[in-house]
Amino acid sequence: MTALDQEAPEMTSRSNLDEVLWQAWKAMELPEGLRAEIIEGFIEVSPTGRSAHGQIANRLRRAIEKHLDEGEWAAYQDMNVVHDRKVWFPDCFIAPEDPGEHVTDDGIGVKASAVQLIVEVVSPGHEGTERDQERKCRAYAGAGIPVYVLIDDYDGHGTVTVLAAPRPDEAVYTDVHRVAYGIDVIIPEGPAKGFVIGEAITGPPRNA
C-alpha cells in the first residue's frame, strides 16, 4: 500500500486541499488489481483482496441480497462511496436499489448519505488492519454511516465487529459489538436489521 499526501502551504484551506486530492484521484490510471481511495487527507493505493477475502465478501453480499428480499435496498460491490471529496471502495455496502438522485453528479459513485451499512473484510498485514480498523472507521463514523462491519480473518482465530450509533462530530461509533468466529452476530438496525453474520459467511474459526 502506498499513500500520496499533498503538502499545502498554511494559506491553503482544507477545502482547497480536498479539491487537489480529488482531482489527482480522478486523474489516476491504475493497473488492474489496484484500487485508490481518499482517506483522511491521503490518496491510498492498495491491492484488491485475495481469494479468501473475495469469497467472504461475495458470500456476504449474496446473503444480504436474500435478506433484503428485492425491496427498496440492495447490496453493492465494486462501486465507490463518496463523501465531501473523499472516496472509499468498500467490500460491500447497502444503498437504495435505484440509486437515482444518490449518484454523484459526475457518476463516479454513490453519495455516503444514501449508504446504510458498509462492510470491510480486513486485509492481512499492519497497513490493512490500521486502514480498516482505524482510518476507515473514523471516516465512516464522520460521514454518519449508520452501521460499519469488520470481518477480520487475522484477529486471533477470526472476529466480526459490528459498529453502530455514529457520532459524526467526533468521528466515532458509540455501540461496538465484537465476537469471535463461530458466534453469530446480528445487525442491529437499518435495512439489514436482524441479518445474521455467522460461519455460513466467515467460515469456522481459523486454526481452531
C-alpha atoms as a PDB file:
ATOM      1  CA  MET A   1       0.000   0.000   0.000  1.00  0.00           C
ATOM      2  CA  THR A   2       1.227   3.491  -0.805  1.00  0.00           C
ATOM      3  CA  ALA A   3      -0.114   6.909   0.109  1.00  0.00           C
ATOM      4  CA  LEU A   4       0.187  10.243  -1.662  1.00  0.00           C
ATOM      5  CA  ASP A   5      -0.011  13.296   0.572  1.00  0.00           C
ATOM      6  CA  GLN A   6      -0.292  16.792  -0.878  1.00  0.00           C
ATOM      7  CA  GLU A   7       1.793  19.220   1.184  1.00  0.00           C
ATOM      8  CA  ALA A   8      -0.077  22.519   1.272  1.00  0.00           C
ATOM      9  CA  PRO A   9       1.112  25.935   2.464  1.00  0.00           C
ATOM     10  CA  GLU A  10      -0.589  27.365   5.540  1.00  0.00           C
ATOM     11  CA  MET A  11      -2.689  29.686   3.385  1.00  0.00           C
ATOM     12  CA  THR A  12      -4.246  26.738   1.542  1.00  0.00           C
ATOM     13  CA  SER A  13      -7.635  25.901   3.007  1.00  0.00           C
ATOM     14  CA  ARG A  14      -8.821  22.408   3.861  1.00  0.00           C
ATOM     15  CA  SER A  15     -11.400  22.597   1.086  1.00  0.00           C
ATOM     16  CA  ASN A  16      -8.720  23.534  -1.474  1.00  0.00           C
ATOM     17  CA  LEU A  17      -6.548  20.616  -0.386  1.00  0.00           C
ATOM     18  CA  ASP A  18      -9.530  18.268  -0.636  1.00  0.00           C
ATOM     19  CA  GLU A  19     -10.150  19.520  -4.177  1.00  0.00           C
ATOM     20  CA  VAL A  20      -6.487  18.966  -5.146  1.00  0.00           C
ATOM     21  CA  LEU A  21      -6.634  15.406  -3.823  1.00  0.00           C
ATOM     22  CA  TRP A  22      -9.973  14.829  -5.555  1.00  0.00           C
ATOM     23  CA  GLN A  23      -8.665  15.967  -8.934  1.00  0.00           C
ATOM     24  CA  ALA A  24      -5.473  13.944  -8.503  1.00  0.00           C
ATOM     25  CA  TRP A  25      -7.507  10.849  -7.626  1.00  0.00           C
ATOM     26  CA  LYS A  26      -9.765  11.265 -10.679  1.00  0.00           C
ATOM     27  CA  ALA A  27      -6.714  11.577 -12.944  1.00  0.00           C
ATOM     28  CA  MET A  28      -5.077   8.367 -11.694  1.00  0.00           C
ATOM     29  CA  GLU A  29      -4.762   5.422 -14.069  1.00  0.00           C
ATOM     30  CA  LEU A  30      -4.056   2.317 -12.038  1.00  0.00           C
ATOM     31  CA  PRO A  31      -3.057  -1.110 -13.318  1.00  0.00           C
ATOM     32  CA  GLU A  32      -5.529  -3.927 -12.853  1.00  0.00           C
ATOM     33  CA  GLY A  33      -5.521  -5.300  -9.322  1.00  0.00           C
ATOM     34  CA  LEU A  34      -5.063  -1.963  -7.563  1.00  0.00           C
ATOM     35  CA  ARG A  35      -7.588   0.498  -6.131  1.00  0.00           C
ATOM     36  CA  ALA A  36      -7.239   4.055  -4.861  1.00  0.00           C
ATOM     37  CA  GLU A  37      -9.186   5.762  -2.086  1.00  0.00           C
ATOM     38  CA  ILE A  38      -9.047   9.155  -0.380  1.00  0.00           C
ATOM     39  CA  ILE A  39      -8.875   8.584   3.370  1.00  0.00           C
ATOM     40  CA  GLU A  40      -8.119  11.301   5.929  1.00  0.00           C
ATOM     41  CA  GLY A  41      -6.232  13.588   3.561  1.00  0.00           C
ATOM     42  CA  PHE A  42      -4.283  10.905   1.724  1.00  0.00           C
ATOM     43  CA  ILE A  43      -4.701   9.047  -1.533  1.00  0.00           C
ATOM     44  CA  GLU A  44      -4.161   5.413  -0.569  1.00  0.00           C
ATOM     45  CA  VAL A  45      -3.398   2.809  -3.206  1.00  0.00           C
ATOM     46  CA  SER A  46      -3.850  -0.821  -2.196  1.00  0.00           C
ATOM     47  CA  PRO A  47      -4.244  -4.191  -3.915  1.00  0.00           C
ATOM     48  CA  THR A  48      -7.648  -5.763  -4.331  1.00  0.00           C
ATOM     49  CA  GLY A  49      -8.384  -8.602  -1.944  1.00  0.00           C
ATOM     50  CA  ARG A  50      -7.020 -12.130  -2.076  1.00  0.00           C
ATOM     51  CA  SER A  51      -9.198 -15.112  -2.980  1.00  0.00           C
ATOM     52  CA  ALA A  52     -10.356 -15.791   0.611  1.00  0.00           C
ATOM     53  CA  HIS A  53     -11.103 -12.095   1.007  1.00  0.00           C
ATOM     54  CA  GLY A  54     -13.270 -12.074  -2.110  1.00  0.00           C
ATOM     55  CA  GLN A  55     -15.072 -15.281  -1.128  1.00  0.00           C
ATOM     56  CA  ILE A  56     -16.175 -13.825   2.206  1.00  0.00           C
ATOM     57  CA  ALA A  57     -17.305 -10.575   0.569  1.00  0.00           C
ATOM     58  CA  ASN A  58     -19.261 -12.454  -2.107  1.00  0.00           C
ATOM     59  CA  ARG A  59     -20.942 -14.793   0.385  1.00  0.00           C
ATOM     60  CA  LEU A  60     -21.899 -11.789   2.476  1.00  0.00           C
ATOM     61  CA  ARG A  61     -23.347  -9.831  -0.459  1.00  0.00           C
ATOM     62  CA  ARG A  62     -25.411 -12.776  -1.679  1.00  0.00           C
ATOM     63  CA  ALA A  63     -26.782 -13.448   1.801  1.00  0.00           C
ATOM     64  CA  ILE A  64     -27.649  -9.778   2.345  1.00  0.00           C
ATOM     65  CA  GLU A  65     -29.466  -9.696  -1.000  1.00  0.00           C
ATOM     66  CA  LYS A  66     -31.657 -12.584   0.157  1.00  0.00           C
ATOM     67  CA  HIS A  67     -32.297 -10.816   3.461  1.00  0.00           C
ATOM     68  CA  LEU A  68     -33.280  -7.601   1.688  1.00  0.00           C
ATOM     69  CA  ASP A  69     -35.697  -9.685  -0.428  1.00  0.00           C
ATOM     70  CA  GLU A  70     -35.774  -7.495  -3.537  1.00  0.00           C
ATOM     71  CA  GLY A  71     -37.097  -4.474  -1.664  1.00  0.00           C
ATOM     72  CA  GLU A  72     -36.022  -0.846  -1.957  1.00  0.00           C
ATOM     73  CA  TRP A  73     -32.467  -1.604  -0.781  1.00  0.00           C
ATOM     74  CA  ALA A  74     -29.646  -3.532  -2.438  1.00  0.00           C
ATOM     75  CA  ALA A  75     -26.145  -4.776  -1.605  1.00  0.00           C
ATOM     76  CA  TYR A  76     -23.314  -3.450  -3.789  1.00  0.00           C
ATOM     77  CA  GLN A  77     -19.689  -4.299  -4.544  1.00  0.00           C
ATOM     78  CA  ASP A  78     -17.115  -2.739  -6.884  1.00  0.00           C
ATOM     79  CA  MET A  79     -18.512   0.773  -6.528  1.00  0.00           C
ATOM     80  CA  ASN A  80     -17.214   3.979  -4.962  1.00  0.00           C
ATOM     81  CA  VAL A  81     -18.808   5.696  -1.980  1.00  0.00           C
ATOM     82  CA  VAL A  82     -18.214   9.459  -2.000  1.00  0.00           C
ATOM     83  CA  HIS A  83     -18.404  11.996   0.833  1.00  0.00           C
ATOM     84  CA  ASP A  84     -17.161  15.605   0.658  1.00  0.00           C
ATOM     85  CA  ARG A  85     -14.359  14.948  -1.855  1.00  0.00           C
ATOM     86  CA  LYS A  86     -13.403  11.747  -0.063  1.00  0.00           C
ATOM     87  CA  VAL A  87     -13.870   8.393  -1.762  1.00  0.00           C
ATOM     88  CA  TRP A  88     -13.908   4.831  -0.478  1.00  0.00           C
ATOM     89  CA  PHE A  89     -14.173   1.456  -2.171  1.00  0.00           C
ATOM     90  CA  PRO A  90     -15.849  -0.849   0.380  1.00  0.00           C
ATOM     91  CA  ASP A  91     -16.000  -4.602   0.068  1.00  0.00           C
ATOM     92  CA  CYS A  92     -19.794  -4.409   0.367  1.00  0.00           C
ATOM     93  CA  PHE A  93     -22.384  -1.766   1.200  1.00  0.00           C
ATOM     94  CA  ILE A  94     -26.145  -1.241   1.278  1.00  0.00           C
ATOM     95  CA  ALA A  95     -27.768   1.645  -0.610  1.00  0.00           C
ATOM     96  CA  PRO A  96     -31.080   2.199  -2.452  1.00  0.00           C
ATOM     97  CA  GLU A  97     -31.925  -0.359  -5.127  1.00  0.00           C
ATOM     98  CA  ASP A  98     -32.460   2.567  -7.502  1.00  0.00           C
ATOM     99  CA  PRO A  99     -29.646   4.990  -6.570  1.00  0.00           C
ATOM    100  CA  GLY A 100     -31.015   7.719  -8.852  1.00  0.00           C
ATOM    101  CA  GLU A 101     -30.506  11.063  -7.130  1.00  0.00           C
ATOM    102  CA  HIS A 102     -27.945   9.492  -4.782  1.00  0.00           C
ATOM    103  CA  VAL A 103     -25.343   9.009  -7.515  1.00  0.00           C
ATOM    104  CA  THR A 104     -22.781  11.831  -7.662  1.00  0.00           C
ATOM    105  CA  ASP A 105     -23.220  14.370 -10.457  1.00  0.00           C
ATOM    106  CA  ASP A 106     -20.159  13.030 -12.278  1.00  0.00           C
ATOM    107  CA  GLY A 107     -21.347   9.423 -11.886  1.00  0.00           C
ATOM    108  CA  ILE A 108     -18.216   8.374 -10.005  1.00  0.00           C
ATOM    109  CA  GLY A 109     -20.053   6.766  -7.113  1.00  0.00           C
ATOM    110  CA  VAL A 110     -22.873   6.749  -4.586  1.00  0.00           C
ATOM    111  CA  LYS A 111     -23.179   9.535  -2.028  1.00  0.00           C
ATOM    112  CA  ALA A 112     -22.382   8.403   1.508  1.00  0.00           C
ATOM    113  CA  SER A 113     -25.616   9.973   2.733  1.00  0.00           C
ATOM    114  CA  ALA A 114     -27.533   7.163   0.974  1.00  0.00           C
ATOM    115  CA  VAL A 115     -25.409   4.326   2.394  1.00  0.00           C
ATOM    116  CA  GLN A 116     -26.910   2.458   5.344  1.00  0.00           C
ATOM    117  CA  LEU A 117     -24.212  -0.131   6.026  1.00  0.00           C
ATOM    118  CA  ILE A 118     -20.602  -0.747   4.996  1.00  0.00           C
ATOM    119  CA  VAL A 119     -18.648  -3.987   5.351  1.00  0.00           C
ATOM    120  CA  GLU A 120     -14.884  -4.301   5.119  1.00  0.00           C
ATOM    121  CA  VAL A 121     -13.047  -7.638   5.037  1.00  0.00           C
ATOM    122  CA  VAL A 122      -9.723  -6.794   6.670  1.00  0.00           C
ATOM    123  CA  SER A 123      -6.612  -7.319   4.551  1.00  0.00           C
ATOM    124  CA  PRO A 124      -3.521  -9.022   6.015  1.00  0.00           C
ATOM    125  CA  GLY A 125      -0.703  -7.002   7.492  1.00  0.00           C
ATOM    126  CA  HIS A 126      -0.403  -3.939   9.690  1.00  0.00           C
ATOM    127  CA  GLU A 127      -1.415  -1.471   6.985  1.00  0.00           C
ATOM    128  CA  GLY A 128      -4.617  -3.339   6.139  1.00  0.00           C
ATOM    129  CA  THR A 129      -5.579  -3.628   9.792  1.00  0.00           C
ATOM    130  CA  GLU A 130      -4.847   0.025  10.555  1.00  0.00           C
ATOM    131  CA  ARG A 131      -6.694   1.211   7.450  1.00  0.00           C
ATOM    132  CA  ASP A 132      -9.906  -0.713   8.131  1.00  0.00           C
ATOM    133  CA  GLN A 133      -9.953  -0.654  11.925  1.00  0.00           C
ATOM    134  CA  GLU A 134      -8.783   2.908  12.459  1.00  0.00           C
ATOM    135  CA  ARG A 135      -8.707   5.280   9.487  1.00  0.00           C
ATOM    136  CA  LYS A 136     -11.791   3.958   7.706  1.00  0.00           C
ATOM    137  CA  CYS A 137     -13.617   3.554  10.995  1.00  0.00           C
ATOM    138  CA  ARG A 138     -13.130   7.263  11.724  1.00  0.00           C
ATOM    139  CA  ALA A 139     -14.015   8.186   8.141  1.00  0.00           C
ATOM    140  CA  TYR A 140     -17.246   6.192   8.106  1.00  0.00           C
ATOM    141  CA  ALA A 141     -18.308   7.445  11.534  1.00  0.00           C
ATOM    142  CA  GLY A 142     -17.516  11.014  10.457  1.00  0.00           C
ATOM    143  CA  ALA A 143     -19.720  10.549   7.387  1.00  0.00           C
ATOM    144  CA  GLY A 144     -22.546   9.251   9.564  1.00  0.00           C
ATOM    145  CA  ILE A 145     -22.651   5.726   8.072  1.00  0.00           C
ATOM    146  CA  PRO A 146     -25.163   4.065  10.445  1.00  0.00           C
ATOM    147  CA  VAL A 147     -23.549   0.608  10.625  1.00  0.00           C
ATOM    148  CA  TYR A 148     -19.971  -0.490   9.929  1.00  0.00           C
ATOM    149  CA  VAL A 149     -18.999  -4.171   9.956  1.00  0.00           C
ATOM    150  CA  LEU A 150     -15.436  -5.500  10.101  1.00  0.00           C
ATOM    151  CA  ILE A 151     -14.703  -9.135   9.249  1.00  0.00           C
ATOM    152  CA  ASP A 152     -11.144  -9.917  10.308  1.00  0.00           C
ATOM    153  CA  ASP A 153      -9.544 -13.288   9.475  1.00  0.00           C
ATOM    154  CA  TYR A 154      -6.318 -12.170  11.139  1.00  0.00           C
ATOM    155  CA  ASP A 155      -7.589 -11.169  14.590  1.00  0.00           C
ATOM    156  CA  GLY A 156      -6.857 -14.258  16.660  1.00  0.00           C
ATOM    157  CA  HIS A 157      -8.935 -17.083  15.148  1.00  0.00           C
ATOM    158  CA  GLY A 158     -11.083 -14.514  13.354  1.00  0.00           C
ATOM    159  CA  THR A 159     -13.525 -11.879  14.593  1.00  0.00           C
ATOM    160  CA  VAL A 160     -16.564  -9.942  13.407  1.00  0.00           C
ATOM    161  CA  THR A 161     -17.135  -6.432  14.766  1.00  0.00           C
ATOM    162  CA  VAL A 162     -20.390  -4.526  14.322  1.00  0.00           C
ATOM    163  CA  LEU A 163     -20.190  -0.778  14.996  1.00  0.00           C
ATOM    164  CA  ALA A 164     -23.301   1.410  15.190  1.00  0.00           C
ATOM    165  CA  ALA A 165     -24.593   4.699  16.620  1.00  0.00           C
ATOM    166  CA  PRO A 166     -22.011   7.007  14.973  1.00  0.00           C
ATOM    167  CA  ARG A 167     -21.173  10.453  16.318  1.00  0.00           C
ATOM    168  CA  PRO A 168     -20.066  12.283  13.162  1.00  0.00           C
ATOM    169  CA  ASP A 169     -18.749  15.324  15.050  1.00  0.00           C
ATOM    170  CA  GLU A 170     -16.368  13.060  16.981  1.00  0.00           C
ATOM    171  CA  ALA A 171     -15.809  10.510  14.170  1.00  0.00           C
ATOM    172  CA  VAL A 172     -16.532   7.599  16.498  1.00  0.00           C
ATOM    173  CA  TYR A 173     -19.036   4.778  16.828  1.00  0.00           C
ATOM    174  CA  THR A 174     -20.545   4.503  20.303  1.00  0.00           C
ATOM    175  CA  ASP A 175     -22.010   0.982  20.005  1.00  0.00           C
ATOM    176  CA  VAL A 176     -19.342  -1.651  19.343  1.00  0.00           C
ATOM    177  CA  HIS A 177     -20.011  -5.397  19.422  1.00  0.00           C
ATOM    178  CA  ARG A 178     -17.099  -7.773  18.665  1.00  0.00           C
ATOM    179  CA  VAL A 179     -17.395 -11.554  18.567  1.00  0.00           C
ATOM    180  CA  ALA A 180     -15.129 -14.430  17.621  1.00  0.00           C
ATOM    181  CA  TYR A 181     -15.730 -16.543  14.516  1.00  0.00           C
ATOM    182  CA  GLY A 182     -18.198 -19.274  15.392  1.00  0.00           C
ATOM    183  CA  ILE A 183     -20.504 -16.890  17.307  1.00  0.00           C
ATOM    184  CA  ASP A 184     -23.389 -15.320  15.424  1.00  0.00           C
ATOM    185  CA  VAL A 185     -23.647 -11.528  15.408  1.00  0.00           C
ATOM    186  CA  ILE A 186     -26.771  -9.646  14.364  1.00  0.00           C
ATOM    187  CA  ILE A 187     -27.042  -6.326  12.503  1.00  0.00           C
ATOM    188  CA  PRO A 188     -28.887  -4.044  14.959  1.00  0.00           C
ATOM    189  CA  GLU A 189     -30.611  -1.519  12.685  1.00  0.00           C
ATOM    190  CA  GLY A 190     -31.322  -0.302   9.172  1.00  0.00           C
ATOM    191  CA  PRO A 191     -32.386  -2.297   6.074  1.00  0.00           C
ATOM    192  CA  ALA A 192     -30.265  -5.275   7.190  1.00  0.00           C
ATOM    193  CA  LYS A 193     -31.660  -5.296  10.746  1.00  0.00           C
ATOM    194  CA  GLY A 194     -31.776  -8.872  12.026  1.00  0.00           C
ATOM    195  CA  PHE A 195     -29.281 -10.144   9.431  1.00  0.00           C
ATOM    196  CA  VAL A 196     -27.001 -12.747  10.991  1.00  0.00           C
ATOM    197  CA  ILE A 197     -23.274 -12.984  10.275  1.00  0.00           C
ATOM    198  CA  GLY A 198     -22.006 -16.430  11.234  1.00  0.00           C
ATOM    199  CA  GLU A 199     -19.989 -19.359   9.940  1.00  0.00           C
ATOM    200  CA  ALA A 200     -22.024 -19.554   6.732  1.00  0.00           C
ATOM    201  CA  ILE A 201     -20.280 -16.306   5.755  1.00  0.00           C
ATOM    202  CA  THR A 202     -16.976 -16.264   7.650  1.00  0.00           C
ATOM    203  CA  GLY A 203     -16.268 -19.980   7.757  1.00  0.00           C
ATOM    204  CA  PRO A 204     -15.192 -21.688  11.020  1.00  0.00           C
ATOM    205  CA  PRO A 205     -12.624 -20.196  13.404  1.00  0.00           C
ATOM    206  CA  ARG A 206      -9.171 -20.137  11.819  1.00  0.00           C
ATOM    207  CA  ASN A 207      -6.661 -22.664  13.179  1.00  0.00           C
ATOM    208  CA  ALA A 208      -9.206 -23.776  15.748  1.00  0.00           C
END
